[in-house]
PDBML (XML) file of the C-alpha atoms, coordinates in Angstrom:
<?xml version="1.0" encoding="UTF-8" ?>
<PDBx:datablock datablockName="MODEL"
   xmlns:PDBx="http://pdbml.pdb.org/schema/pdbx-v50.xsd"
   xmlns:xsi="http://www.w3.org/2001/XMLSchema-instance"
   xsi:schemaLocation="http://pdbml.pdb.org/schema/pdbx-v50.xsd pdbx-v50.xsd">
   <PDBx:atom_siteCategory>
      <PDBx:atom_site id="1">
         <PDBx:B_iso_or_equiv>0.00</PDBx:B_iso_or_equiv>
         <PDBx:Cartn_x>67.301</PDBx:Cartn_x>
         <PDBx:Cartn_y>9.134</PDBx:Cartn_y>
         <PDBx:Cartn_z>-143.409</PDBx:Cartn_z>
         <PDBx:auth_asym_id>A</PDBx:auth_asym_id>
         <PDBx:auth_atom_id>CA</PDBx:auth_atom_id>
         <PDBx:auth_comp_id>UNK</PDBx:auth_comp_id>
         <PDBx:auth_seq_id>1</PDBx:auth_seq_id>
         <PDBx:group_PDB>ATOM</PDBx:group_PDB>
         <PDBx:label_alt_id xsi:nil="true" />
         <PDBx:label_asym_id>A</PDBx:label_asym_id>
         <PDBx:label_atom_id>CA</PDBx:label_atom_id>
         <PDBx:label_comp_id>UNK</PDBx:label_comp_id>
         <PDBx:label_entity_id>1</PDBx:label_entity_id>
         <PDBx:label_seq_id>1</PDBx:label_seq_id>
         <PDBx:occupancy>1.00</PDBx:occupancy>
         <PDBx:pdbx_PDB_model_num>1</PDBx:pdbx_PDB_model_num>
         <PDBx:type_symbol>C</PDBx:type_symbol>
      </PDBx:atom_site>
      <PDBx:atom_site id="2">
         <PDBx:B_iso_or_equiv>0.00</PDBx:B_iso_or_equiv>
         <PDBx:Cartn_x>70.326</PDBx:Cartn_x>
         <PDBx:Cartn_y>7.774</PDBx:Cartn_y>
         <PDBx:Cartn_z>-141.561</PDBx:Cartn_z>
         <PDBx:auth_asym_id>A</PDBx:auth_asym_id>
         <PDBx:auth_atom_id>CA</PDBx:auth_atom_id>
         <PDBx:auth_comp_id>UNK</PDBx:auth_comp_id>
         <PDBx:auth_seq_id>2</PDBx:auth_seq_id>
         <PDBx:group_PDB>ATOM</PDBx:group_PDB>
         <PDBx:label_alt_id xsi:nil="true" />
         <PDBx:label_asym_id>A</PDBx:label_asym_id>
         <PDBx:label_atom_id>CA</PDBx:label_atom_id>
         <PDBx:label_comp_id>UNK</PDBx:label_comp_id>
         <PDBx:label_entity_id>1</PDBx:label_entity_id>
         <PDBx:label_seq_id>2</PDBx:label_seq_id>
         <PDBx:occupancy>1.00</PDBx:occupancy>
         <PDBx:pdbx_PDB_model_num>1</PDBx:pdbx_PDB_model_num>
         <PDBx:type_symbol>C</PDBx:type_symbol>
      </PDBx:atom_site>
      <PDBx:atom_site id="3">
         <PDBx:B_iso_or_equiv>0.00</PDBx:B_iso_or_equiv>
         <PDBx:Cartn_x>74.024</PDBx:Cartn_x>
         <PDBx:Cartn_y>7.750</PDBx:Cartn_y>
         <PDBx:Cartn_z>-142.398</PDBx:Cartn_z>
         <PDBx:auth_asym_id>A</PDBx:auth_asym_id>
         <PDBx:auth_atom_id>CA</PDBx:auth_atom_id>
         <PDBx:auth_comp_id>UNK</PDBx:auth_comp_id>
         <PDBx:auth_seq_id>3</PDBx:auth_seq_id>
         <PDBx:group_PDB>ATOM</PDBx:group_PDB>
         <PDBx:label_alt_id xsi:nil="true" />
         <PDBx:label_asym_id>A</PDBx:label_asym_id>
         <PDBx:label_atom_id>CA</PDBx:label_atom_id>
         <PDBx:label_comp_id>UNK</PDBx:label_comp_id>
         <PDBx:label_entity_id>1</PDBx:label_entity_id>
         <PDBx:label_seq_id>3</PDBx:label_seq_id>
         <PDBx:occupancy>1.00</PDBx:occupancy>
         <PDBx:pdbx_PDB_model_num>1</PDBx:pdbx_PDB_model_num>
         <PDBx:type_symbol>C</PDBx:type_symbol>
      </PDBx:atom_site>
      <PDBx:atom_site id="4">
         <PDBx:B_iso_or_equiv>0.00</PDBx:B_iso_or_equiv>
         <PDBx:Cartn_x>76.225</PDBx:Cartn_x>
         <PDBx:Cartn_y>4.845</PDBx:Cartn_y>
         <PDBx:Cartn_z>-141.367</PDBx:Cartn_z>
         <PDBx:auth_asym_id>A</PDBx:auth_asym_id>
         <PDBx:auth_atom_id>CA</PDBx:auth_atom_id>
         <PDBx:auth_comp_id>UNK</PDBx:auth_comp_id>
         <PDBx:auth_seq_id>4</PDBx:auth_seq_id>
         <PDBx:group_PDB>ATOM</PDBx:group_PDB>
         <PDBx:label_alt_id xsi:nil="true" />
         <PDBx:label_asym_id>A</PDBx:label_asym_id>
         <PDBx:label_atom_id>CA</PDBx:label_atom_id>
         <PDBx:label_comp_id>UNK</PDBx:label_comp_id>
         <PDBx:label_entity_id>1</PDBx:label_entity_id>
         <PDBx:label_seq_id>4</PDBx:label_seq_id>
         <PDBx:occupancy>1.00</PDBx:occupancy>
         <PDBx:pdbx_PDB_model_num>1</PDBx:pdbx_PDB_model_num>
         <PDBx:type_symbol>C</PDBx:type_symbol>
      </PDBx:atom_site>
      <PDBx:atom_site id="5">
         <PDBx:B_iso_or_equiv>0.00</PDBx:B_iso_or_equiv>
         <PDBx:Cartn_x>79.926</PDBx:Cartn_x>
         <PDBx:Cartn_y>5.591</PDBx:Cartn_y>
         <PDBx:Cartn_z>-141.017</PDBx:Cartn_z>
         <PDBx:auth_asym_id>A</PDBx:auth_asym_id>
         <PDBx:auth_atom_id>CA</PDBx:auth_atom_id>
         <PDBx:auth_comp_id>UNK</PDBx:auth_comp_id>
         <PDBx:auth_seq_id>5</PDBx:auth_seq_id>
         <PDBx:group_PDB>ATOM</PDBx:group_PDB>
         <PDBx:label_alt_id xsi:nil="true" />
         <PDBx:label_asym_id>A</PDBx:label_asym_id>
         <PDBx:label_atom_id>CA</PDBx:label_atom_id>
         <PDBx:label_comp_id>UNK</PDBx:label_comp_id>
         <PDBx:label_entity_id>1</PDBx:label_entity_id>
         <PDBx:label_seq_id>5</PDBx:label_seq_id>
         <PDBx:occupancy>1.00</PDBx:occupancy>
         <PDBx:pdbx_PDB_model_num>1</PDBx:pdbx_PDB_model_num>
         <PDBx:type_symbol>C</PDBx:type_symbol>
      </PDBx:atom_site>
      <PDBx:atom_site id="6">
         <PDBx:B_iso_or_equiv>0.00</PDBx:B_iso_or_equiv>
         <PDBx:Cartn_x>82.156</PDBx:Cartn_x>
         <PDBx:Cartn_y>7.988</PDBx:Cartn_y>
         <PDBx:Cartn_z>-139.106</PDBx:Cartn_z>
         <PDBx:auth_asym_id>A</PDBx:auth_asym_id>
         <PDBx:auth_atom_id>CA</PDBx:auth_atom_id>
         <PDBx:auth_comp_id>UNK</PDBx:auth_comp_id>
         <PDBx:auth_seq_id>6</PDBx:auth_seq_id>
         <PDBx:group_PDB>ATOM</PDBx:group_PDB>
         <PDBx:label_alt_id xsi:nil="true" />
         <PDBx:label_asym_id>A</PDBx:label_asym_id>
         <PDBx:label_atom_id>CA</PDBx:label_atom_id>
         <PDBx:label_comp_id>UNK</PDBx:label_comp_id>
         <PDBx:label_entity_id>1</PDBx:label_entity_id>
         <PDBx:label_seq_id>6</PDBx:label_seq_id>
         <PDBx:occupancy>1.00</PDBx:occupancy>
         <PDBx:pdbx_PDB_model_num>1</PDBx:pdbx_PDB_model_num>
         <PDBx:type_symbol>C</PDBx:type_symbol>
      </PDBx:atom_site>
      <PDBx:atom_site id="7">
         <PDBx:B_iso_or_equiv>0.00</PDBx:B_iso_or_equiv>
         <PDBx:Cartn_x>84.728</PDBx:Cartn_x>
         <PDBx:Cartn_y>9.000</PDBx:Cartn_y>
         <PDBx:Cartn_z>-141.717</PDBx:Cartn_z>
         <PDBx:auth_asym_id>A</PDBx:auth_asym_id>
         <PDBx:auth_atom_id>CA</PDBx:auth_atom_id>
         <PDBx:auth_comp_id>UNK</PDBx:auth_comp_id>
         <PDBx:auth_seq_id>7</PDBx:auth_seq_id>
         <PDBx:group_PDB>ATOM</PDBx:group_PDB>
         <PDBx:label_alt_id xsi:nil="true" />
         <PDBx:label_asym_id>A</PDBx:label_asym_id>
         <PDBx:label_atom_id>CA</PDBx:label_atom_id>
         <PDBx:label_comp_id>UNK</PDBx:label_comp_id>
         <PDBx:label_entity_id>1</PDBx:label_entity_id>
         <PDBx:label_seq_id>7</PDBx:label_seq_id>
         <PDBx:occupancy>1.00</PDBx:occupancy>
         <PDBx:pdbx_PDB_model_num>1</PDBx:pdbx_PDB_model_num>
         <PDBx:type_symbol>C</PDBx:type_symbol>
      </PDBx:atom_site>
      <PDBx:atom_site id="8">
         <PDBx:B_iso_or_equiv>0.00</PDBx:B_iso_or_equiv>
         <PDBx:Cartn_x>85.174</PDBx:Cartn_x>
         <PDBx:Cartn_y>12.090</PDBx:Cartn_y>
         <PDBx:Cartn_z>-143.841</PDBx:Cartn_z>
         <PDBx:auth_asym_id>A</PDBx:auth_asym_id>
         <PDBx:auth_atom_id>CA</PDBx:auth_atom_id>
         <PDBx:auth_comp_id>UNK</PDBx:auth_comp_id>
         <PDBx:auth_seq_id>8</PDBx:auth_seq_id>
         <PDBx:group_PDB>ATOM</PDBx:group_PDB>
         <PDBx:label_alt_id xsi:nil="true" />
         <PDBx:label_asym_id>A</PDBx:label_asym_id>
         <PDBx:label_atom_id>CA</PDBx:label_atom_id>
         <PDBx:label_comp_id>UNK</PDBx:label_comp_id>
         <PDBx:label_entity_id>1</PDBx:label_entity_id>
         <PDBx:label_seq_id>8</PDBx:label_seq_id>
         <PDBx:occupancy>1.00</PDBx:occupancy>
         <PDBx:pdbx_PDB_model_num>1</PDBx:pdbx_PDB_model_num>
         <PDBx:type_symbol>C</PDBx:type_symbol>
      </PDBx:atom_site>
      <PDBx:atom_site id="9">
         <PDBx:B_iso_or_equiv>0.00</PDBx:B_iso_or_equiv>
         <PDBx:Cartn_x>82.640</PDBx:Cartn_x>
         <PDBx:Cartn_y>11.155</PDBx:Cartn_y>
         <PDBx:Cartn_z>-146.527</PDBx:Cartn_z>
         <PDBx:auth_asym_id>A</PDBx:auth_asym_id>
         <PDBx:auth_atom_id>CA</PDBx:auth_atom_id>
         <PDBx:auth_comp_id>UNK</PDBx:auth_comp_id>
         <PDBx:auth_seq_id>9</PDBx:auth_seq_id>
         <PDBx:group_PDB>ATOM</PDBx:group_PDB>
         <PDBx:label_alt_id xsi:nil="true" />
         <PDBx:label_asym_id>A</PDBx:label_asym_id>
         <PDBx:label_atom_id>CA</PDBx:label_atom_id>
         <PDBx:label_comp_id>UNK</PDBx:label_comp_id>
         <PDBx:label_entity_id>1</PDBx:label_entity_id>
         <PDBx:label_seq_id>9</PDBx:label_seq_id>
         <PDBx:occupancy>1.00</PDBx:occupancy>
         <PDBx:pdbx_PDB_model_num>1</PDBx:pdbx_PDB_model_num>
         <PDBx:type_symbol>C</PDBx:type_symbol>
      </PDBx:atom_site>
      <PDBx:atom_site id="10">
         <PDBx:B_iso_or_equiv>0.00</PDBx:B_iso_or_equiv>
         <PDBx:Cartn_x>80.012</PDBx:Cartn_x>
         <PDBx:Cartn_y>10.166</PDBx:Cartn_y>
         <PDBx:Cartn_z>-143.950</PDBx:Cartn_z>
         <PDBx:auth_asym_id>A</PDBx:auth_asym_id>
         <PDBx:auth_atom_id>CA</PDBx:auth_atom_id>
         <PDBx:auth_comp_id>UNK</PDBx:auth_comp_id>
         <PDBx:auth_seq_id>10</PDBx:auth_seq_id>
         <PDBx:group_PDB>ATOM</PDBx:group_PDB>
         <PDBx:label_alt_id xsi:nil="true" />
         <PDBx:label_asym_id>A</PDBx:label_asym_id>
         <PDBx:label_atom_id>CA</PDBx:label_atom_id>
         <PDBx:label_comp_id>UNK</PDBx:label_comp_id>
         <PDBx:label_entity_id>1</PDBx:label_entity_id>
         <PDBx:label_seq_id>10</PDBx:label_seq_id>
         <PDBx:occupancy>1.00</PDBx:occupancy>
         <PDBx:pdbx_PDB_model_num>1</PDBx:pdbx_PDB_model_num>
         <PDBx:type_symbol>C</PDBx:type_symbol>
      </PDBx:atom_site>
      <PDBx:atom_site id="11">
         <PDBx:B_iso_or_equiv>0.00</PDBx:B_iso_or_equiv>
         <PDBx:Cartn_x>80.620</PDBx:Cartn_x>
         <PDBx:Cartn_y>13.473</PDBx:Cartn_y>
         <PDBx:Cartn_z>-142.164</PDBx:Cartn_z>
         <PDBx:auth_asym_id>A</PDBx:auth_asym_id>
         <PDBx:auth_atom_id>CA</PDBx:auth_atom_id>
         <PDBx:auth_comp_id>UNK</PDBx:auth_comp_id>
         <PDBx:auth_seq_id>11</PDBx:auth_seq_id>
         <PDBx:group_PDB>ATOM</PDBx:group_PDB>
         <PDBx:label_alt_id xsi:nil="true" />
         <PDBx:label_asym_id>A</PDBx:label_asym_id>
         <PDBx:label_atom_id>CA</PDBx:label_atom_id>
         <PDBx:label_comp_id>UNK</PDBx:label_comp_id>
         <PDBx:label_entity_id>1</PDBx:label_entity_id>
         <PDBx:label_seq_id>11</PDBx:label_seq_id>
         <PDBx:occupancy>1.00</PDBx:occupancy>
         <PDBx:pdbx_PDB_model_num>1</PDBx:pdbx_PDB_model_num>
         <PDBx:type_symbol>C</PDBx:type_symbol>
      </PDBx:atom_site>
      <PDBx:atom_site id="12">
         <PDBx:B_iso_or_equiv>0.00</PDBx:B_iso_or_equiv>
         <PDBx:Cartn_x>80.249</PDBx:Cartn_x>
         <PDBx:Cartn_y>15.394</PDBx:Cartn_y>
         <PDBx:Cartn_z>-145.437</PDBx:Cartn_z>
         <PDBx:auth_asym_id>A</PDBx:auth_asym_id>
         <PDBx:auth_atom_id>CA</PDBx:auth_atom_id>
         <PDBx:auth_comp_id>UNK</PDBx:auth_comp_id>
         <PDBx:auth_seq_id>12</PDBx:auth_seq_id>
         <PDBx:group_PDB>ATOM</PDBx:group_PDB>
         <PDBx:label_alt_id xsi:nil="true" />
         <PDBx:label_asym_id>A</PDBx:label_asym_id>
         <PDBx:label_atom_id>CA</PDBx:label_atom_id>
         <PDBx:label_comp_id>UNK</PDBx:label_comp_id>
         <PDBx:label_entity_id>1</PDBx:label_entity_id>
         <PDBx:label_seq_id>12</PDBx:label_seq_id>
         <PDBx:occupancy>1.00</PDBx:occupancy>
         <PDBx:pdbx_PDB_model_num>1</PDBx:pdbx_PDB_model_num>
         <PDBx:type_symbol>C</PDBx:type_symbol>
      </PDBx:atom_site>
      <PDBx:atom_site id="13">
         <PDBx:B_iso_or_equiv>0.00</PDBx:B_iso_or_equiv>
         <PDBx:Cartn_x>76.982</PDBx:Cartn_x>
         <PDBx:Cartn_y>13.608</PDBx:Cartn_y>
         <PDBx:Cartn_z>-146.239</PDBx:Cartn_z>
         <PDBx:auth_asym_id>A</PDBx:auth_asym_id>
         <PDBx:auth_atom_id>CA</PDBx:auth_atom_id>
         <PDBx:auth_comp_id>UNK</PDBx:auth_comp_id>
         <PDBx:auth_seq_id>13</PDBx:auth_seq_id>
         <PDBx:group_PDB>ATOM</PDBx:group_PDB>
         <PDBx:label_alt_id xsi:nil="true" />
         <PDBx:label_asym_id>A</PDBx:label_asym_id>
         <PDBx:label_atom_id>CA</PDBx:label_atom_id>
         <PDBx:label_comp_id>UNK</PDBx:label_comp_id>
         <PDBx:label_entity_id>1</PDBx:label_entity_id>
         <PDBx:label_seq_id>13</PDBx:label_seq_id>
         <PDBx:occupancy>1.00</PDBx:occupancy>
         <PDBx:pdbx_PDB_model_num>1</PDBx:pdbx_PDB_model_num>
         <PDBx:type_symbol>C</PDBx:type_symbol>
      </PDBx:atom_site>
      <PDBx:atom_site id="14">
         <PDBx:B_iso_or_equiv>0.00</PDBx:B_iso_or_equiv>
         <PDBx:Cartn_x>75.553</PDBx:Cartn_x>
         <PDBx:Cartn_y>14.430</PDBx:Cartn_y>
         <PDBx:Cartn_z>-142.806</PDBx:Cartn_z>
         <PDBx:auth_asym_id>A</PDBx:auth_asym_id>
         <PDBx:auth_atom_id>CA</PDBx:auth_atom_id>
         <PDBx:auth_comp_id>UNK</PDBx:auth_comp_id>
         <PDBx:auth_seq_id>14</PDBx:auth_seq_id>
         <PDBx:group_PDB>ATOM</PDBx:group_PDB>
         <PDBx:label_alt_id xsi:nil="true" />
         <PDBx:label_asym_id>A</PDBx:label_asym_id>
         <PDBx:label_atom_id>CA</PDBx:label_atom_id>
         <PDBx:label_comp_id>UNK</PDBx:label_comp_id>
         <PDBx:label_entity_id>1</PDBx:label_entity_id>
         <PDBx:label_seq_id>14</PDBx:label_seq_id>
         <PDBx:occupancy>1.00</PDBx:occupancy>
         <PDBx:pdbx_PDB_model_num>1</PDBx:pdbx_PDB_model_num>
         <PDBx:type_symbol>C</PDBx:type_symbol>
      </PDBx:atom_site>
      <PDBx:atom_site id="15">
         <PDBx:B_iso_or_equiv>0.00</PDBx:B_iso_or_equiv>
         <PDBx:Cartn_x>76.522</PDBx:Cartn_x>
         <PDBx:Cartn_y>18.059</PDBx:Cartn_y>
         <PDBx:Cartn_z>-143.393</PDBx:Cartn_z>
         <PDBx:auth_asym_id>A</PDBx:auth_asym_id>
         <PDBx:auth_atom_id>CA</PDBx:auth_atom_id>
         <PDBx:auth_comp_id>UNK</PDBx:auth_comp_id>
         <PDBx:auth_seq_id>15</PDBx:auth_seq_id>
         <PDBx:group_PDB>ATOM</PDBx:group_PDB>
         <PDBx:label_alt_id xsi:nil="true" />
         <PDBx:label_asym_id>A</PDBx:label_asym_id>
         <PDBx:label_atom_id>CA</PDBx:label_atom_id>
         <PDBx:label_comp_id>UNK</PDBx:label_comp_id>
         <PDBx:label_entity_id>1</PDBx:label_entity_id>
         <PDBx:label_seq_id>15</PDBx:label_seq_id>
         <PDBx:occupancy>1.00</PDBx:occupancy>
         <PDBx:pdbx_PDB_model_num>1</PDBx:pdbx_PDB_model_num>
         <PDBx:type_symbol>C</PDBx:type_symbol>
      </PDBx:atom_site>
      <PDBx:atom_site id="16">
         <PDBx:B_iso_or_equiv>0.00</PDBx:B_iso_or_equiv>
         <PDBx:Cartn_x>74.678</PDBx:Cartn_x>
         <PDBx:Cartn_y>18.051</PDBx:Cartn_y>
         <PDBx:Cartn_z>-146.741</PDBx:Cartn_z>
         <PDBx:auth_asym_id>A</PDBx:auth_asym_id>
         <PDBx:auth_atom_id>CA</PDBx:auth_atom_id>
         <PDBx:auth_comp_id>UNK</PDBx:auth_comp_id>
         <PDBx:auth_seq_id>16</PDBx:auth_seq_id>
         <PDBx:group_PDB>ATOM</PDBx:group_PDB>
         <PDBx:label_alt_id xsi:nil="true" />
         <PDBx:label_asym_id>A</PDBx:label_asym_id>
         <PDBx:label_atom_id>CA</PDBx:label_atom_id>
         <PDBx:label_comp_id>UNK</PDBx:label_comp_id>
         <PDBx:label_entity_id>1</PDBx:label_entity_id>
         <PDBx:label_seq_id>16</PDBx:label_seq_id>
         <PDBx:occupancy>1.00</PDBx:occupancy>
         <PDBx:pdbx_PDB_model_num>1</PDBx:pdbx_PDB_model_num>
         <PDBx:type_symbol>C</PDBx:type_symbol>
      </PDBx:atom_site>
      <PDBx:atom_site id="17">
         <PDBx:B_iso_or_equiv>0.00</PDBx:B_iso_or_equiv>
         <PDBx:Cartn_x>71.585</PDBx:Cartn_x>
         <PDBx:Cartn_y>16.459</PDBx:Cartn_y>
         <PDBx:Cartn_z>-145.227</PDBx:Cartn_z>
         <PDBx:auth_asym_id>A</PDBx:auth_asym_id>
         <PDBx:auth_atom_id>CA</PDBx:auth_atom_id>
         <PDBx:auth_comp_id>UNK</PDBx:auth_comp_id>
         <PDBx:auth_seq_id>17</PDBx:auth_seq_id>
         <PDBx:group_PDB>ATOM</PDBx:group_PDB>
         <PDBx:label_alt_id xsi:nil="true" />
         <PDBx:label_asym_id>A</PDBx:label_asym_id>
         <PDBx:label_atom_id>CA</PDBx:label_atom_id>
         <PDBx:label_comp_id>UNK</PDBx:label_comp_id>
         <PDBx:label_entity_id>1</PDBx:label_entity_id>
         <PDBx:label_seq_id>17</PDBx:label_seq_id>
         <PDBx:occupancy>1.00</PDBx:occupancy>
         <PDBx:pdbx_PDB_model_num>1</PDBx:pdbx_PDB_model_num>
         <PDBx:type_symbol>C</PDBx:type_symbol>
      </PDBx:atom_site>
      <PDBx:atom_site id="18">
         <PDBx:B_iso_or_equiv>0.00</PDBx:B_iso_or_equiv>
         <PDBx:Cartn_x>71.660</PDBx:Cartn_x>
         <PDBx:Cartn_y>18.965</PDBx:Cartn_y>
         <PDBx:Cartn_z>-142.360</PDBx:Cartn_z>
         <PDBx:auth_asym_id>A</PDBx:auth_asym_id>
         <PDBx:auth_atom_id>CA</PDBx:auth_atom_id>
         <PDBx:auth_comp_id>UNK</PDBx:auth_comp_id>
         <PDBx:auth_seq_id>18</PDBx:auth_seq_id>
         <PDBx:group_PDB>ATOM</PDBx:group_PDB>
         <PDBx:label_alt_id xsi:nil="true" />
         <PDBx:label_asym_id>A</PDBx:label_asym_id>
         <PDBx:label_atom_id>CA</PDBx:label_atom_id>
         <PDBx:label_comp_id>UNK</PDBx:label_comp_id>
         <PDBx:label_entity_id>1</PDBx:label_entity_id>
         <PDBx:label_seq_id>18</PDBx:label_seq_id>
         <PDBx:occupancy>1.00</PDBx:occupancy>
         <PDBx:pdbx_PDB_model_num>1</PDBx:pdbx_PDB_model_num>
         <PDBx:type_symbol>C</PDBx:type_symbol>
      </PDBx:atom_site>
      <PDBx:atom_site id="19">
         <PDBx:B_iso_or_equiv>0.00</PDBx:B_iso_or_equiv>
         <PDBx:Cartn_x>70.919</PDBx:Cartn_x>
         <PDBx:Cartn_y>21.724</PDBx:Cartn_y>
         <PDBx:Cartn_z>-144.863</PDBx:Cartn_z>
         <PDBx:auth_asym_id>A</PDBx:auth_asym_id>
         <PDBx:auth_atom_id>CA</PDBx:auth_atom_id>
         <PDBx:auth_comp_id>UNK</PDBx:auth_comp_id>
         <PDBx:auth_seq_id>19</PDBx:auth_seq_id>
         <PDBx:group_PDB>ATOM</PDBx:group_PDB>
         <PDBx:label_alt_id xsi:nil="true" />
         <PDBx:label_asym_id>A</PDBx:label_asym_id>
         <PDBx:label_atom_id>CA</PDBx:label_atom_id>
         <PDBx:label_comp_id>UNK</PDBx:label_comp_id>
         <PDBx:label_entity_id>1</PDBx:label_entity_id>
         <PDBx:label_seq_id>19</PDBx:label_seq_id>
         <PDBx:occupancy>1.00</PDBx:occupancy>
         <PDBx:pdbx_PDB_model_num>1</PDBx:pdbx_PDB_model_num>
         <PDBx:type_symbol>C</PDBx:type_symbol>
      </PDBx:atom_site>
      <PDBx:atom_site id="20">
         <PDBx:B_iso_or_equiv>0.00</PDBx:B_iso_or_equiv>
         <PDBx:Cartn_x>67.475</PDBx:Cartn_x>
         <PDBx:Cartn_y>20.212</PDBx:Cartn_y>
         <PDBx:Cartn_z>-145.518</PDBx:Cartn_z>
         <PDBx:auth_asym_id>A</PDBx:auth_asym_id>
         <PDBx:auth_atom_id>CA</PDBx:auth_atom_id>
         <PDBx:auth_comp_id>UNK</PDBx:auth_comp_id>
         <PDBx:auth_seq_id>20</PDBx:auth_seq_id>
         <PDBx:group_PDB>ATOM</PDBx:group_PDB>
         <PDBx:label_alt_id xsi:nil="true" />
         <PDBx:label_asym_id>A</PDBx:label_asym_id>
         <PDBx:label_atom_id>CA</PDBx:label_atom_id>
         <PDBx:label_comp_id>UNK</PDBx:label_comp_id>
         <PDBx:label_entity_id>1</PDBx:label_entity_id>
         <PDBx:label_seq_id>20</PDBx:label_seq_id>
         <PDBx:occupancy>1.00</PDBx:occupancy>
         <PDBx:pdbx_PDB_model_num>1</PDBx:pdbx_PDB_model_num>
         <PDBx:type_symbol>C</PDBx:type_symbol>
      </PDBx:atom_site>
      <PDBx:atom_site id="21">
         <PDBx:B_iso_or_equiv>0.00</PDBx:B_iso_or_equiv>
         <PDBx:Cartn_x>66.404</PDBx:Cartn_x>
         <PDBx:Cartn_y>17.780</PDBx:Cartn_y>
         <PDBx:Cartn_z>-142.799</PDBx:Cartn_z>
         <PDBx:auth_asym_id>A</PDBx:auth_asym_id>
         <PDBx:auth_atom_id>CA</PDBx:auth_atom_id>
         <PDBx:auth_comp_id>UNK</PDBx:auth_comp_id>
         <PDBx:auth_seq_id>21</PDBx:auth_seq_id>
         <PDBx:group_PDB>ATOM</PDBx:group_PDB>
         <PDBx:label_alt_id xsi:nil="true" />
         <PDBx:label_asym_id>A</PDBx:label_asym_id>
         <PDBx:label_atom_id>CA</PDBx:label_atom_id>
         <PDBx:label_comp_id>UNK</PDBx:label_comp_id>
         <PDBx:label_entity_id>1</PDBx:label_entity_id>
         <PDBx:label_seq_id>21</PDBx:label_seq_id>
         <PDBx:occupancy>1.00</PDBx:occupancy>
         <PDBx:pdbx_PDB_model_num>1</PDBx:pdbx_PDB_model_num>
         <PDBx:type_symbol>C</PDBx:type_symbol>
      </PDBx:atom_site>
      <PDBx:atom_site id="22">
         <PDBx:B_iso_or_equiv>0.00</PDBx:B_iso_or_equiv>
         <PDBx:Cartn_x>65.233</PDBx:Cartn_x>
         <PDBx:Cartn_y>18.329</PDBx:Cartn_y>
         <PDBx:Cartn_z>-139.238</PDBx:Cartn_z>
         <PDBx:auth_asym_id>A</PDBx:auth_asym_id>
         <PDBx:auth_atom_id>CA</PDBx:auth_atom_id>
         <PDBx:auth_comp_id>UNK</PDBx:auth_comp_id>
         <PDBx:auth_seq_id>22</PDBx:auth_seq_id>
         <PDBx:group_PDB>ATOM</PDBx:group_PDB>
         <PDBx:label_alt_id xsi:nil="true" />
         <PDBx:label_asym_id>A</PDBx:label_asym_id>
         <PDBx:label_atom_id>CA</PDBx:label_atom_id>
         <PDBx:label_comp_id>UNK</PDBx:label_comp_id>
         <PDBx:label_entity_id>1</PDBx:label_entity_id>
         <PDBx:label_seq_id>22</PDBx:label_seq_id>
         <PDBx:occupancy>1.00</PDBx:occupancy>
         <PDBx:pdbx_PDB_model_num>1</PDBx:pdbx_PDB_model_num>
         <PDBx:type_symbol>C</PDBx:type_symbol>
      </PDBx:atom_site>
      <PDBx:atom_site id="23">
         <PDBx:B_iso_or_equiv>0.00</PDBx:B_iso_or_equiv>
         <PDBx:Cartn_x>66.605</PDBx:Cartn_x>
         <PDBx:Cartn_y>14.972</PDBx:Cartn_y>
         <PDBx:Cartn_z>-138.076</PDBx:Cartn_z>
         <PDBx:auth_asym_id>A</PDBx:auth_asym_id>
         <PDBx:auth_atom_id>CA</PDBx:auth_atom_id>
         <PDBx:auth_comp_id>UNK</PDBx:auth_comp_id>
         <PDBx:auth_seq_id>23</PDBx:auth_seq_id>
         <PDBx:group_PDB>ATOM</PDBx:group_PDB>
         <PDBx:label_alt_id xsi:nil="true" />
         <PDBx:label_asym_id>A</PDBx:label_asym_id>
         <PDBx:label_atom_id>CA</PDBx:label_atom_id>
         <PDBx:label_comp_id>UNK</PDBx:label_comp_id>
         <PDBx:label_entity_id>1</PDBx:label_entity_id>
         <PDBx:label_seq_id>23</PDBx:label_seq_id>
         <PDBx:occupancy>1.00</PDBx:occupancy>
         <PDBx:pdbx_PDB_model_num>1</PDBx:pdbx_PDB_model_num>
         <PDBx:type_symbol>C</PDBx:type_symbol>
      </PDBx:atom_site>
      <PDBx:atom_site id="24">
         <PDBx:B_iso_or_equiv>0.00</PDBx:B_iso_or_equiv>
         <PDBx:Cartn_x>69.388</PDBx:Cartn_x>
         <PDBx:Cartn_y>12.688</PDBx:Cartn_y>
         <PDBx:Cartn_z>-139.333</PDBx:Cartn_z>
         <PDBx:auth_asym_id>A</PDBx:auth_asym_id>
         <PDBx:auth_atom_id>CA</PDBx:auth_atom_id>
         <PDBx:auth_comp_id>UNK</PDBx:auth_comp_id>
         <PDBx:auth_seq_id>24</PDBx:auth_seq_id>
         <PDBx:group_PDB>ATOM</PDBx:group_PDB>
         <PDBx:label_alt_id xsi:nil="true" />
         <PDBx:label_asym_id>A</PDBx:label_asym_id>
         <PDBx:label_atom_id>CA</PDBx:label_atom_id>
         <PDBx:label_comp_id>UNK</PDBx:label_comp_id>
         <PDBx:label_entity_id>1</PDBx:label_entity_id>
         <PDBx:label_seq_id>24</PDBx:label_seq_id>
         <PDBx:occupancy>1.00</PDBx:occupancy>
         <PDBx:pdbx_PDB_model_num>1</PDBx:pdbx_PDB_model_num>
         <PDBx:type_symbol>C</PDBx:type_symbol>
      </PDBx:atom_site>
   </PDBx:atom_siteCategory>
</PDBx:datablock>
């Protein structure tokens, strides 16, 4: 899974994914 974007919502989504994934 990859996130595209550098704003606040993108940052929040990466944080959420970081709880479960080994690589984003």
